[in-house]
Protein backbone atom coordinates (compact mmCIF):
# COMPACT_ATOMS: atom_id res chain seq x y z
CA MET A 1 239.94 -25.54 41.87
CA ILE A 2 242.93 -23.22 42.14
CA LYS A 3 242.79 -20.31 39.74
CA LYS A 4 246.10 -19.07 38.39
CA ASN A 5 246.64 -15.66 36.89
CA ILE A 6 247.23 -16.65 33.30
CA LYS A 7 246.96 -14.08 30.51
CA LEU A 8 244.34 -15.22 28.00
CA ASP A 9 243.86 -13.84 24.52
CA ASN A 10 240.39 -12.61 23.47
CA GLU A 11 239.29 -15.96 22.02
CA GLU A 12 240.47 -17.92 25.06
CA GLN A 13 238.76 -15.45 27.40
CA ALA A 14 235.49 -15.79 25.45
CA ILE A 15 235.68 -19.58 25.79
CA GLU A 16 236.44 -19.28 29.51
CA ASP A 17 233.52 -16.88 30.05
CA SER A 18 231.17 -19.11 28.08
CA PHE A 19 232.23 -22.16 30.09
CA ASP A 20 231.78 -20.32 33.41
CA ALA A 21 228.30 -19.16 32.36
CA PHE A 22 227.38 -22.73 31.38
CA LEU A 23 228.56 -24.13 34.72
CA GLN A 24 226.47 -21.61 36.64
CA GLY A 25 223.41 -23.42 35.26
CA GLY A 26 221.56 -20.27 34.32
CA SER A 27 219.31 -21.96 31.78
CA LEU A 28 217.12 -25.04 31.90
CA ASP A 29 219.02 -26.40 28.89
CA ALA A 30 222.34 -26.31 30.75
CA VAL A 31 220.79 -27.91 33.83
CA ALA A 32 219.10 -30.60 31.72
CA LEU A 33 222.30 -31.37 29.83
CA ILE A 34 224.27 -31.65 33.06
CA GLU A 35 221.61 -33.97 34.47
CA ALA A 36 221.72 -36.09 31.32
CA ALA A 37 225.50 -36.28 31.61
CA LYS A 38 225.18 -37.45 35.22
CA ASN A 39 222.78 -40.17 34.12
CA THR A 40 225.11 -41.34 31.35
CA GLY A 41 226.82 -43.86 33.62
CA LYS A 42 223.51 -45.45 34.56
CA LYS A 43 222.30 -48.58 32.85
CA SER A 44 221.12 -47.80 29.34
CA LYS A 45 219.89 -49.62 26.29
CA PRO A 46 221.40 -49.07 22.86
CA VAL A 47 218.90 -47.63 20.40
CA SER A 48 219.08 -47.28 16.66
CA LEU A 49 217.36 -44.17 15.38
CA ARG A 50 216.77 -42.91 11.86
CA LEU A 51 216.67 -39.15 11.34
CA THR A 52 216.30 -37.08 8.23
CA GLU A 53 219.54 -35.51 7.15
CA SER A 54 218.24 -32.03 8.00
CA ASP A 55 217.18 -33.10 11.53
CA PHE A 56 220.57 -34.72 12.08
CA THR A 57 222.35 -31.58 10.89
CA LYS A 58 220.22 -29.39 13.20
CA ALA A 59 220.84 -31.70 16.17
CA HIS A 60 224.56 -31.73 15.47
CA ALA A 61 224.68 -27.92 15.21
CA LYS A 62 222.71 -27.47 18.46
CA ALA A 63 225.01 -29.92 20.22
CA LEU A 64 228.06 -27.96 19.06
CA GLU A 65 226.45 -24.75 20.41
CA GLU A 66 225.89 -26.44 23.78
CA GLY A 67 229.32 -28.05 23.80
CA VAL A 68 228.09 -31.63 24.06
CA ALA A 69 227.96 -34.66 21.79
CA TYR A 70 224.86 -34.89 19.62
CA GLN A 71 224.02 -38.24 21.25
CA THR A 72 223.95 -36.54 24.66
CA LEU A 73 221.74 -33.78 23.29
CA LEU A 74 219.26 -36.26 21.79
CA THR A 75 219.25 -38.32 25.00
CA SER A 76 218.54 -35.17 26.98
CA VAL A 77 215.67 -34.13 24.70
CA ILE A 78 214.08 -37.58 24.92
CA HIS A 79 214.51 -37.64 28.70
CA LEU A 80 212.98 -34.16 29.10
CA TYR A 81 210.01 -35.09 26.91
CA LEU A 82 209.34 -38.35 28.72
CA SER A 83 209.62 -36.70 32.13
CA GLY A 84 207.09 -34.02 31.11
CA MET A 85 209.55 -31.14 31.26
CA LEU A 86 209.56 -30.61 27.49
CA VAL A 87 206.16 -29.73 26.07
CA ARG A 88 204.92 -28.78 22.64
CA LYS A 89 204.27 -25.07 22.02
CA SER A 90 200.66 -24.31 21.20
């Protein structure tokens, strides 16, 4: 990608920095979400899921923090759990 010298305001620079940090894959969450996004095009089954309103709100808020759709976040959590990479704290 060609980078151009464009003057960004403080908010735009914060978004740019956050995006760059996310792409560097520094955390397992970022790596897992990227992997889930890669697997999105693979064959999948539609699933209907009922959540409490508070769980839905928490999932939606976490997804906004991560910059992904809540469906992608929930898919990633399920995938991590089923692959043994997400374990319960004791």
